[in-house]
Amino acid sequence: MPAEELDPDDESATVASWEATGLTRTCSDPEADLQQGPGSAGSTVLDVRDGATLVGAAPSWLGARGVAETLRTVHHGNDVTRNLYATLGWAERAETHGVVLGRRRGAP
């Protein structure tokens, strides 16, 4: 299956696939995360049910839109996802110039 923008009718199946393959984390609601992409400037959700296919397809999809580099943030302890990326040739790198910070809307 090629990477295409997610059809809203497929959202439930996509979340179920993420959960079945261990790509979700307890600290993040996948349905809420899914709602943040579509409609945001420069953001979308790609519809690929197989994690390996998605990891391979996303850089191509982004490259076609002029994005030169693709980075991912993977939570500590999410070894399933780290191993998936490693088997597909992604390399972990130490970022000495900063850290990844996040804040949910509505958080104090």
PDB file of N, CA and C in Angstrom:
ATOM      1  N   MET A   1       0.844  -1.180   0.000  1.00  0.00           N
ATOM      2  CA  MET A   1       0.000   0.000   0.000  1.00  0.00           C
ATOM      3  C   MET A   1       0.887   1.240   0.000  1.00  0.00           C
ATOM      4  N   PRO A   2       0.721   2.143  -0.972  1.00  0.00           N
ATOM      5  CA  PRO A   2       1.518   3.364  -0.976  1.00  0.00           C
ATOM      6  C   PRO A   2       1.040   4.315   0.119  1.00  0.00           C
ATOM      7  N   ALA A   3       1.870   5.284   0.452  1.00  0.00           N
ATOM      8  CA  ALA A   3       1.496   6.272   1.459  1.00  0.00           C
ATOM      9  C   ALA A   3       0.533   7.274   0.844  1.00  0.00           C
ATOM     10  N   GLU A   4      -0.607   7.417   1.471  1.00  0.00           N
ATOM     11  CA  GLU A   4      -1.605   8.394   1.057  1.00  0.00           C
ATOM     12  C   GLU A   4      -2.108   9.086   2.315  1.00  0.00           C
ATOM     13  N   GLU A   5      -2.679  10.252   2.148  1.00  0.00           N
ATOM     14  CA  GLU A   5      -3.244  10.931   3.308  1.00  0.00           C
ATOM     15  C   GLU A   5      -4.424  10.124   3.833  1.00  0.00           C
ATOM     16  N   LEU A   6      -4.529  10.047   5.135  1.00  0.00           N
ATOM     17  CA  LEU A   6      -5.540   9.233   5.794  1.00  0.00           C
ATOM     18  C   LEU A   6      -6.948   9.726   5.489  1.00  0.00           C
ATOM     19  N   ASP A   7      -7.807   8.796   5.095  1.00  0.00           N
ATOM     20  CA  ASP A   7      -9.230   9.069   4.922  1.00  0.00           C
ATOM     21  C   ASP A   7      -9.861   9.040   6.311  1.00  0.00           C
ATOM     22  N   PRO A   8     -10.611  10.070   6.703  1.00  0.00           N
ATOM     23  CA  PRO A   8     -11.229  10.080   8.034  1.00  0.00           C
ATOM     24  C   PRO A   8     -12.049   8.822   8.346  1.00  0.00           C
ATOM     25  N   ASP A   9     -12.569   8.161   7.331  1.00  0.00           N
ATOM     26  CA  ASP A   9     -13.344   6.937   7.558  1.00  0.00           C
ATOM     27  C   ASP A   9     -12.467   5.782   8.025  1.00  0.00           C
ATOM     28  N   ASP A  10     -11.165   5.889   7.872  1.00  0.00           N
ATOM     29  CA  ASP A  10     -10.236   4.816   8.243  1.00  0.00           C
ATOM     30  C   ASP A  10      -9.547   5.048   9.585  1.00  0.00           C
ATOM     31  N   GLU A  11      -9.927   6.097  10.307  1.00  0.00           N
ATOM     32  CA  GLU A  11      -9.228   6.438  11.545  1.00  0.00           C
ATOM     33  C   GLU A  11      -9.284   5.316  12.585  1.00  0.00           C
ATOM     34  N   SER A  12     -10.431   4.705  12.798  1.00  0.00           N
ATOM     35  CA  SER A  12     -10.546   3.649  13.814  1.00  0.00           C
ATOM     36  C   SER A  12      -9.661   2.459  13.469  1.00  0.00           C
ATOM     37  N   ALA A  13      -9.648   2.058  12.201  1.00  0.00           N
ATOM     38  CA  ALA A  13      -8.814   0.931  11.778  1.00  0.00           C
ATOM     39  C   ALA A  13      -7.334   1.269  11.926  1.00  0.00           C
ATOM     40  N   THR A  14      -6.974   2.511  11.690  1.00  0.00           N
ATOM     41  CA  THR A  14      -5.586   2.924  11.820  1.00  0.00           C
ATOM     42  C   THR A  14      -5.132   2.858  13.273  1.00  0.00           C
ATOM     43  N   VAL A  15      -5.949   3.373  14.185  1.00  0.00           N
ATOM     44  CA  VAL A  15      -5.613   3.322  15.605  1.00  0.00           C
ATOM     45  C   VAL A  15      -5.511   1.867  16.064  1.00  0.00           C
ATOM     46  N   ALA A  16      -6.431   1.021  15.629  1.00  0.00           N
ATOM     47  CA  ALA A  16      -6.384  -0.398  16.000  1.00  0.00           C
ATOM     48  C   ALA A  16      -5.096  -1.044  15.512  1.00  0.00           C
ATOM     49  N   SER A  17      -4.655  -0.685  14.324  1.00  0.00           N
ATOM     50  CA  SER A  17      -3.408  -1.223  13.776  1.00  0.00           C
ATOM     51  C   SER A  17      -2.219  -0.752  14.593  1.00  0.00           C
ATOM     52  N   TRP A  18      -2.190   0.515  14.954  1.00  0.00           N
ATOM     53  CA  TRP A  18      -1.101   1.037  15.785  1.00  0.00           C
ATOM     54  C   TRP A  18      -1.041   0.285  17.105  1.00  0.00           C
ATOM     55  N   GLU A  19      -2.204   0.080  17.718  1.00  0.00           N
ATOM     56  CA  GLU A  19      -2.245  -0.608  19.011  1.00  0.00           C
ATOM     57  C   GLU A  19      -1.816  -2.066  18.881  1.00  0.00           C
ATOM     58  N   ALA A  20      -2.237  -2.737  17.814  1.00  0.00           N
ATOM     59  CA  ALA A  20      -1.914  -4.152  17.617  1.00  0.00           C
ATOM     60  C   ALA A  20      -0.428  -4.378  17.372  1.00  0.00           C
ATOM     61  N   THR A  21       0.246  -3.381  16.814  1.00  0.00           N
ATOM     62  CA  THR A  21       1.666  -3.545  16.495  1.00  0.00           C
ATOM     63  C   THR A  21       2.589  -2.893  17.515  1.00  0.00           C
ATOM     64  N   GLY A  22       2.028  -2.396  18.615  1.00  0.00           N
ATOM     65  CA  GLY A  22       2.853  -1.835  19.677  1.00  0.00           C
ATOM     66  C   GLY A  22       3.402  -0.458  19.389  1.00  0.00           C
ATOM     67  N   LEU A  23       2.781   0.280  18.492  1.00  0.00           N
ATOM     68  CA  LEU A  23       3.281   1.600  18.121  1.00  0.00           C
ATOM     69  C   LEU A  23       2.658   2.728  18.941  1.00  0.00           C
ATOM     70  N   THR A  24       1.869   2.387  19.947  1.00  0.00           N
ATOM     71  CA  THR A  24       1.282   3.418  20.794  1.00  0.00           C
ATOM     72  C   THR A  24       1.920   3.377  22.176  1.00  0.00           C
ATOM     73  N   ARG A  25       1.780   4.462  22.906  1.00  0.00           N
ATOM     74  CA  ARG A  25       2.318   4.564  24.256  1.00  0.00           C
ATOM     75  C   ARG A  25       1.202   4.973  25.202  1.00  0.00           C
ATOM     76  N   THR A  26       1.296   4.545  26.443  1.00  0.00           N
ATOM     77  CA  THR A  26       0.262   4.871  27.419  1.00  0.00           C
ATOM     78  C   THR A  26       0.221   6.361  27.739  1.00  0.00           C
ATOM     79  N   CYS A  27       1.301   7.091  27.487  1.00  0.00           N
ATOM     80  CA  CYS A  27       1.345   8.521  27.794  1.00  0.00           C
ATOM     81  C   CYS A  27       0.715   9.377  26.703  1.00  0.00           C
ATOM     82  N   SER A  28       0.245   8.749  25.644  1.00  0.00           N
ATOM     83  CA  SER A  28      -0.283   9.510  24.512  1.00  0.00           C
ATOM     84  C   SER A  28      -1.525   8.822  23.964  1.00  0.00           C
ATOM     85  N   ASP A  29      -2.615   9.559  23.834  1.00  0.00           N
ATOM     86  CA  ASP A  29      -3.862   9.037  23.290  1.00  0.00           C
ATOM     87  C   ASP A  29      -3.772   9.030  21.761  1.00  0.00           C
ATOM     88  N   PRO A  30      -3.735   7.844  21.133  1.00  0.00           N
ATOM     89  CA  PRO A  30      -3.549   7.799  19.679  1.00  0.00           C
ATOM     90  C   PRO A  30      -4.676   8.480  18.905  1.00  0.00           C
ATOM     91  N   GLU A  31      -5.899   8.408  19.413  1.00  0.00           N
ATOM     92  CA  GLU A  31      -6.999   9.072  18.704  1.00  0.00           C
ATOM     93  C   GLU A  31      -6.850  10.584  18.751  1.00  0.00           C
ATOM     94  N   ALA A  32      -6.425  11.118  19.889  1.00  0.00           N
ATOM     95  CA  ALA A  32      -6.195  12.563  19.991  1.00  0.00           C
ATOM     96  C   ALA A  32      -5.014  12.969  19.111  1.00  0.00           C
ATOM     97  N   ASP A  33      -3.959  12.160  19.118  1.00  0.00           N
ATOM     98  CA  ASP A  33      -2.801  12.457  18.267  1.00  0.00           C
ATOM     99  C   ASP A  33      -3.209  12.482  16.796  1.00  0.00           C
ATOM    100  N   LEU A  34      -4.039  11.545  16.415  1.00  0.00           N
ATOM    101  CA  LEU A  34      -4.490  11.436  15.025  1.00  0.00           C
ATOM    102  C   LEU A  34      -5.252  12.688  14.594  1.00  0.00           C
ATOM    103  N   GLN A  35      -5.979  13.291  15.490  1.00  0.00           N
ATOM    104  CA  GLN A  35      -6.761  14.480  15.171  1.00  0.00           C
ATOM    105  C   GLN A  35      -5.909  15.728  14.978  1.00  0.00           C
ATOM    106  N   GLN A  36      -4.677  15.715  15.462  1.00  0.00           N
ATOM    107  CA  GLN A  36      -3.834  16.905  15.387  1.00  0.00           C
ATOM    108  C   GLN A  36      -3.216  17.130  14.018  1.00  0.00           C
ATOM    109  N   GLY A  37      -3.051  16.082  13.209  1.00  0.00           N
ATOM    110  CA  GLY A  37      -2.366  16.224  11.931  1.00  0.00           C
ATOM    111  C   GLY A  37      -3.185  16.871  10.840  1.00  0.00           C
ATOM    112  N   PRO A  38      -4.287  16.259  10.449  1.00  0.00           N
ATOM    113  CA  PRO A  38      -5.040  16.801   9.319  1.00  0.00           C
ATOM    114  C   PRO A  38      -5.531  18.218   9.591  1.00  0.00           C
ATOM    115  N   GLY A  39      -5.382  19.063   8.593  1.00  0.00           N
ATOM    116  CA  GLY A  39      -5.870  20.421   8.717  1.00  0.00           C
ATOM    117  C   GLY A  39      -4.862  21.396   9.289  1.00  0.00           C
ATOM    118  N   SER A  40      -3.762  20.900   9.849  1.00  0.00           N
ATOM    119  CA  SER A  40      -2.725  21.782  10.363  1.00  0.00           C
ATOM    120  C   SER A  40      -1.773  22.131   9.225  1.00  0.00           C
ATOM    121  N   ALA A  41      -1.262  23.342   9.242  1.00  0.00           N
ATOM    122  CA  ALA A  41      -0.347  23.764   8.185  1.00  0.00           C
ATOM    123  C   ALA A  41       0.879  22.861   8.151  1.00  0.00           C
ATOM    124  N   GLY A  42       1.180  22.301   6.998  1.00  0.00           N
ATOM    125  CA  GLY A  42       2.363  21.466   6.836  1.00  0.00           C
ATOM    126  C   GLY A  42       2.284  20.137   7.545  1.00  0.00           C
ATOM    127  N   SER A  43       1.092  19.670   7.851  1.00  0.00           N
ATOM    128  CA  SER A  43       0.944  18.438   8.614  1.00  0.00           C
ATOM    129  C   SER A  43      -0.131  17.560   8.009  1.00  0.00           C
ATOM    130  N   THR A  44       0.062  16.259   8.130  1.00  0.00           N
ATOM    131  CA  THR A  44      -0.949  15.309   7.691  1.00  0.00           C
ATOM    132  C   THR A  44      -0.724  13.998   8.426  1.00  0.00           C
ATOM    133  N   VAL A  45      -1.575  13.037   8.200  1.00  0.00           N
ATOM    134  CA  VAL A  45      -1.395  11.685   8.706  1.00  0.00           C
ATOM    135  C   VAL A  45      -1.399  10.778   7.490  1.00  0.00           C
ATOM    136  N   LEU A  46      -0.336   9.995   7.349  1.00  0.00           N
ATOM    137  CA  LEU A  46      -0.253   9.067   6.225  1.00  0.00           C
ATOM    138  C   LEU A  46      -0.935   7.768   6.591  1.00  0.00           C
ATOM    139  N   ASP A  47      -1.667   7.214   5.653  1.00  0.00           N
ATOM    140  CA  ASP A  47      -2.416   5.971   5.861  1.00  0.00           C
ATOM    141  C   ASP A  47      -1.614   4.799   5.324  1.00  0.00           C
ATOM    142  N   VAL A  48      -0.847   4.209   6.193  1.00  0.00           N
ATOM    143  CA  VAL A  48      -0.111   2.989   5.881  1.00  0.00           C
ATOM    144  C   VAL A  48      -0.230   2.121   7.122  1.00  0.00           C
ATOM    145  N   ARG A  49      -0.793   0.932   6.997  1.00  0.00           N
ATOM    146  CA  ARG A  49      -1.080   0.111   8.175  1.00  0.00           C
ATOM    147  C   ARG A  49       0.127  -0.661   8.670  1.00  0.00           C
ATOM    148  N   ASP A  50       1.108  -0.861   7.838  1.00  0.00           N
ATOM    149  CA  ASP A  50       2.287  -1.630   8.206  1.00  0.00           C
ATOM    150  C   ASP A  50       3.393  -0.656   8.605  1.00  0.00           C
ATOM    151  N   GLY A  51       3.908  -0.804   9.833  1.00  0.00           N
ATOM    152  CA  GLY A  51       4.912   0.128  10.330  1.00  0.00           C
ATOM    153  C   GLY A  51       6.134   0.227   9.451  1.00  0.00           C
ATOM    154  N   ALA A  52       6.621  -0.906   8.959  1.00  0.00           N
ATOM    155  CA  ALA A  52       7.814  -0.888   8.117  1.00  0.00           C
ATOM    156  C   ALA A  52       7.551  -0.133   6.822  1.00  0.00           C
ATOM    157  N   THR A  53       6.378  -0.312   6.253  1.00  0.00           N
ATOM    158  CA  THR A  53       6.034   0.404   5.029  1.00  0.00           C
ATOM    159  C   THR A  53       5.948   1.899   5.296  1.00  0.00           C
ATOM    160  N   LEU A  54       5.364   2.272   6.416  1.00  0.00           N
ATOM    161  CA  LEU A  54       5.242   3.691   6.758  1.00  0.00           C
ATOM    162  C   LEU A  54       6.613   4.325   6.933  1.00  0.00           C
ATOM    163  N   VAL A  55       7.490   3.665   7.658  1.00  0.00           N
ATOM    164  CA  VAL A  55       8.823   4.226   7.894  1.00  0.00           C
ATOM    165  C   VAL A  55       9.549   4.430   6.573  1.00  0.00           C
ATOM    166  N   GLY A  56       9.344   3.527   5.634  1.00  0.00           N
ATOM    167  CA  GLY A  56       9.964   3.670   4.323  1.00  0.00           C
ATOM    168  C   GLY A  56       9.273   4.700   3.452  1.00  0.00           C
ATOM    169  N   ALA A  57       7.956   4.807   3.572  1.00  0.00           N
ATOM    170  CA  ALA A  57       7.179   5.685   2.704  1.00  0.00           C
ATOM    171  C   ALA A  57       7.233   7.151   3.124  1.00  0.00           C
ATOM    172  N   ALA A  58       7.290   7.405   4.403  1.00  0.00           N
ATOM    173  CA  ALA A  58       7.224   8.790   4.874  1.00  0.00           C
ATOM    174  C   ALA A  58       8.343   9.671   4.308  1.00  0.00           C
ATOM    175  N   PRO A  59       9.614   9.235   4.346  1.00  0.00           N
ATOM    176  CA  PRO A  59      10.654  10.105   3.779  1.00  0.00           C
ATOM    177  C   PRO A  59      10.453  10.381   2.288  1.00  0.00           C
ATOM    178  N   SER A  60       9.950   9.402   1.547  1.00  0.00           N
ATOM    179  CA  SER A  60       9.689   9.618   0.124  1.00  0.00           C
ATOM    180  C   SER A  60       8.569  10.637  -0.071  1.00  0.00           C
ATOM    181  N   TRP A  61       7.512  10.485   0.717  1.00  0.00           N
ATOM    182  CA  TRP A  61       6.377  11.406   0.646  1.00  0.00           C
ATOM    183  C   TRP A  61       6.831  12.821   0.996  1.00  0.00           C
ATOM    184  N   LEU A  62       7.636  12.938   2.049  1.00  0.00           N
ATOM    185  CA  LEU A  62       8.137  14.244   2.471  1.00  0.00           C
ATOM    186  C   LEU A  62       9.114  14.814   1.451  1.00  0.00           C
ATOM    187  N   GLY A  63       9.990  13.959   0.912  1.00  0.00           N
ATOM    188  CA  GLY A  63      10.959  14.406  -0.078  1.00  0.00           C
ATOM    189  C   GLY A  63      10.300  14.993  -1.309  1.00  0.00           C
ATOM    190  N   ALA A  64       9.168  14.407  -1.713  1.00  0.00           N
ATOM    191  CA  ALA A  64       8.430  14.922  -2.867  1.00  0.00           C
ATOM    192  C   ALA A  64       7.870  16.313  -2.593  1.00  0.00           C
ATOM    193  N   ARG A  65       7.832  16.692  -1.317  1.00  0.00           N
ATOM    194  CA  ARG A  65       7.330  18.007  -0.929  1.00  0.00           C
ATOM    195  C   ARG A  65       8.464  18.933  -0.486  1.00  0.00           C
ATOM    196  N   GLY A  66       9.709  18.546  -0.812  1.00  0.00           N
ATOM    197  CA  GLY A  66      10.847  19.409  -0.566  1.00  0.00           C
ATOM    198  C   GLY A  66      11.483  19.299   0.811  1.00  0.00           C
ATOM    199  N   VAL A  67      11.093  18.320   1.612  1.00  0.00           N
ATOM    200  CA  VAL A  67      11.674  18.154   2.942  1.00  0.00           C
ATOM    201  C   VAL A  67      12.979  17.372   2.803  1.00  0.00           C
ATOM    202  N   ALA A  68      14.076  17.949   3.277  1.00  0.00           N
ATOM    203  CA  ALA A  68      15.397  17.358   3.073  1.00  0.00           C
ATOM    204  C   ALA A  68      15.782  16.313   4.121  1.00  0.00           C
ATOM    205  N   GLU A  69      15.255  16.413   5.323  1.00  0.00           N
ATOM    206  CA  GLU A  69      15.649  15.504   6.387  1.00  0.00           C
ATOM    207  C   GLU A  69      14.412  15.083   7.168  1.00  0.00           C
ATOM    208  N   THR A  70      14.404  13.828   7.572  1.00  0.00           N
ATOM    209  CA  THR A  70      13.294  13.303   8.359  1.00  0.00           C
ATOM    210  C   THR A  70      13.827  12.845   9.700  1.00  0.00           C
ATOM    211  N   LEU A  71      13.255  13.365  10.768  1.00  0.00           N
ATOM    212  CA  LEU A  71      13.641  12.985  12.122  1.00  0.00           C
ATOM    213  C   LEU A  71      12.436  12.384  12.829  1.00  0.00           C
ATOM    214  N   ARG A  72      12.698  11.512  13.768  1.00  0.00           N
ATOM    215  CA  ARG A  72      11.637  10.909  14.573  1.00  0.00           C
ATOM    216  C   ARG A  72      12.027  11.015  16.035  1.00  0.00           C
ATOM    217  N   THR A  73      11.040  11.167  16.885  1.00  0.00           N
ATOM    218  CA  THR A  73      11.238  11.085  18.316  1.00  0.00           C
ATOM    219  C   THR A  73      10.568   9.805  18.779  1.00  0.00           C
ATOM    220  N   VAL A  74      11.306   8.975  19.469  1.00  0.00           N
ATOM    221  CA  VAL A  74      10.777   7.715  19.998  1.00  0.00           C
ATOM    222  C   VAL A  74      10.960   7.746  21.507  1.00  0.00           C
ATOM    223  N   HIS A  75       9.898   7.471  22.223  1.00  0.00           N
ATOM    224  CA  HIS A  75       9.956   7.509  23.686  1.00  0.00           C
ATOM    225  C   HIS A  75      10.921   6.460  24.228  1.00  0.00           C
ATOM    226  N   HIS A  76      11.594   6.800  25.330  1.00  0.00           N
ATOM    227  CA  HIS A  76      12.445   5.834  26.014  1.00  0.00           C
ATOM    228  C   HIS A  76      11.590   4.623  26.388  1.00  0.00           C
ATOM    229  N   GLY A  77      12.141   3.443  26.240  1.00  0.00           N
ATOM    230  CA  GLY A  77      11.420   2.223  26.588  1.00  0.00           C
ATOM    231  C   GLY A  77      10.578   1.657  25.454  1.00  0.00           C
ATOM    232  N   ASN A  78      10.443   2.388  24.356  1.00  0.00           N
ATOM    233  CA  ASN A  78       9.657   1.896  23.223  1.00  0.00           C
ATOM    234  C   ASN A  78      10.596   1.131  22.281  1.00  0.00           C
ATOM    235  N   ASP A  79      11.060  -0.014  22.773  1.00  0.00           N
ATOM    236  CA  ASP A  79      12.044  -0.790  22.026  1.00  0.00           C
ATOM    237  C   ASP A  79      11.482  -1.376  20.739  1.00  0.00           C
ATOM    238  N   VAL A  80      10.193  -1.654  20.694  1.00  0.00           N
ATOM    239  CA  VAL A  80       9.578  -2.183  19.460  1.00  0.00           C
ATOM    240  C   VAL A  80       9.799  -1.191  18.322  1.00  0.00           C
ATOM    241  N   THR A  81       9.491   0.057  18.574  1.00  0.00           N
ATOM    242  CA  THR A  81       9.638   1.076  17.536  1.00  0.00           C
ATOM    243  C   THR A  81      11.105   1.357  17.237  1.00  0.00           C
ATOM    244  N   ARG A  82      11.935   1.439  18.265  1.00  0.00           N
ATOM    245  CA  ARG A  82      13.365   1.664  18.037  1.00  0.00           C
ATOM    246  C   ARG A  82      13.950   0.556  17.175  1.00  0.00           C
ATOM    247  N   ASN A  83      13.602  -0.680  17.464  1.00  0.00           N
ATOM    248  CA  ASN A  83      14.111  -1.809  16.673  1.00  0.00           C
ATOM    249  C   ASN A  83      13.594  -1.776  15.246  1.00  0.00           C
ATOM    250  N   LEU A  84      12.324  -1.385  15.066  1.00  0.00           N
ATOM    251  CA  LEU A  84      11.769  -1.278  13.715  1.00  0.00           C
ATOM    252  C   LEU A  84      12.587  -0.294  12.892  1.00  0.00           C
ATOM    253  N   TYR A  85      12.817   0.898  13.436  1.00  0.00           N
ATOM    254  CA  TYR A  85      13.601   1.892  12.710  1.00  0.00           C
ATOM    255  C   TYR A  85      15.016   1.394  12.442  1.00  0.00           C
ATOM    256  N   ALA A  86      15.635   0.741  13.403  1.00  0.00           N
ATOM    257  CA  ALA A  86      17.001   0.247  13.230  1.00  0.00           C
ATOM    258  C   ALA A  86      17.088  -0.770  12.097  1.00  0.00           C
ATOM    259  N   THR A  87      16.112  -1.677  12.009  1.00  0.00           N
ATOM    260  CA  THR A  87      16.150  -2.686  10.947  1.00  0.00           C
ATOM    261  C   THR A  87      15.945  -2.067   9.570  1.00  0.00           C
ATOM    262  N   LEU A  88      15.384  -0.860   9.536  1.00  0.00           N
ATOM    263  CA  LEU A  88      15.146  -0.185   8.260  1.00  0.00           C
ATOM    264  C   LEU A  88      16.224   0.852   7.924  1.00  0.00           C
ATOM    265  N   GLY A  89      17.321   0.830   8.713  1.00  0.00           N
ATOM    266  CA  GLY A  89      18.457   1.673   8.384  1.00  0.00           C
ATOM    267  C   GLY A  89      18.489   3.037   9.051  1.00  0.00           C
ATOM    268  N   TRP A  90      17.573   3.311   9.939  1.00  0.00           N
ATOM    269  CA  TRP A  90      17.598   4.581  10.666  1.00  0.00           C
ATOM    270  C   TRP A  90      18.635   4.474  11.768  1.00  0.00           C
ATOM    271  N   ALA A  91      19.375   5.548  11.993  1.00  0.00           N
ATOM    272  CA  ALA A  91      20.418   5.551  13.019  1.00  0.00           C
ATOM    273  C   ALA A  91      20.049   6.512  14.140  1.00  0.00           C
ATOM    274  N   GLU A  92      20.262   6.053  15.360  1.00  0.00           N
ATOM    275  CA  GLU A  92      20.087   6.948  16.504  1.00  0.00           C
ATOM    276  C   GLU A  92      21.279   7.877  16.538  1.00  0.00           C
ATOM    277  N   ARG A  93      21.028   9.096  16.910  1.00  0.00           N
ATOM    278  CA  ARG A  93      22.128  10.039  17.016  1.00  0.00           C
ATOM    279  C   ARG A  93      21.955  10.876  18.273  1.00  0.00           C
ATOM    280  N   ALA A  94      23.063  11.164  18.884  1.00  0.00           N
ATOM    281  CA  ALA A  94      23.048  11.993  20.088  1.00  0.00           C
ATOM    282  C   ALA A  94      22.905  13.444  19.660  1.00  0.00           C
ATOM    283  N   GLU A  95      21.914  14.084  20.166  1.00  0.00           N
ATOM    284  CA  GLU A  95      21.699  15.496  19.872  1.00  0.00           C
ATOM    285  C   GLU A  95      22.295  16.306  21.009  1.00  0.00           C
ATOM    286  N   THR A  96      23.459  16.855  20.781  1.00  0.00           N
ATOM    287  CA  THR A  96      24.142  17.574  21.847  1.00  0.00           C
ATOM    288  C   THR A  96      23.668  19.021  21.958  1.00  0.00           C
ATOM    289  N   HIS A  97      22.930  19.491  20.965  1.00  0.00           N
ATOM    290  CA  HIS A  97      22.522  20.895  20.979  1.00  0.00           C
ATOM    291  C   HIS A  97      21.167  21.127  21.640  1.00  0.00           C
ATOM    292  N   GLY A  98      20.516  20.089  22.129  1.00  0.00           N
ATOM    293  CA  GLY A  98      19.221  20.319  22.759  1.00  0.00           C
ATOM    294  C   GLY A  98      18.513  19.035  23.129  1.00  0.00           C
ATOM    295  N   VAL A  99      17.300  19.203  23.581  1.00  0.00           N
ATOM    296  CA  VAL A  99      16.453  18.086  23.954  1.00  0.00           C
ATOM    297  C   VAL A  99      15.091  18.274  23.299  1.00  0.00           C
ATOM    298  N   VAL A 100      14.304  17.218  23.258  1.00  0.00           N
ATOM    299  CA  VAL A 100      12.949  17.307  22.738  1.00  0.00           C
ATOM    300  C   VAL A 100      12.029  17.667  23.900  1.00  0.00           C
ATOM    301  N   LEU A 101      11.293  18.744  23.739  1.00  0.00           N
ATOM    302  CA  LEU A 101      10.351  19.187  24.755  1.00  0.00           C
ATOM    303  C   LEU A 101       8.945  19.153  24.173  1.00  0.00           C
ATOM    304  N   GLY A 102       7.963  18.900  25.012  1.00  0.00           N
ATOM    305  CA  GLY A 102       6.588  18.885  24.537  1.00  0.00           C
ATOM    306  C   GLY A 102       5.647  19.400  25.604  1.00  0.00           C
ATOM    307  N   ARG A 103       4.515  19.874  25.161  1.00  0.00           N
ATOM    308  CA  ARG A 103       3.479  20.342  26.073  1.00  0.00           C
ATOM    309  C   ARG A 103       2.147  20.195  25.368  1.00  0.00           C
ATOM    310  N   ARG A 104       1.220  19.559  26.014  1.00  0.00           N
ATOM    311  CA  ARG A 104      -0.116  19.401  25.445  1.00  0.00           C
ATOM    312  C   ARG A 104      -0.922  20.677  25.641  1.00  0.00           C
ATOM    313  N   ARG A 105      -1.756  20.989  24.649  1.00  0.00           N
ATOM    314  CA  ARG A 105      -2.661  22.113  24.806  1.00  0.00           C
ATOM    315  C   ARG A 105      -3.522  21.922  26.023  1.00  0.00           C
ATOM    316  N   GLY A 106      -3.723  22.977  26.772  1.00  0.00           N
ATOM    317  CA  GLY A 106      -4.555  22.907  27.971  1.00  0.00           C
ATOM    318  C   GLY A 106      -3.823  22.460  29.218  1.00  0.00           C
ATOM    319  N   ALA A 107      -2.556  22.072  29.079  1.00  0.00           N
ATOM    320  CA  ALA A 107      -1.780  21.645  30.246  1.00  0.00           C
ATOM    321  C   ALA A 107      -1.398  22.869  31.061  1.00  0.00           C
ATOM    322  N   PRO A 108      -1.391  22.724  32.390  1.00  0.00           N
ATOM    323  CA  PRO A 108      -1.007  23.889  33.211  1.00  0.00           C
ATOM    324  C   PRO A 108       0.452  24.254  33.034  1.00  0.00           C
TER     325      PRO A 108
END
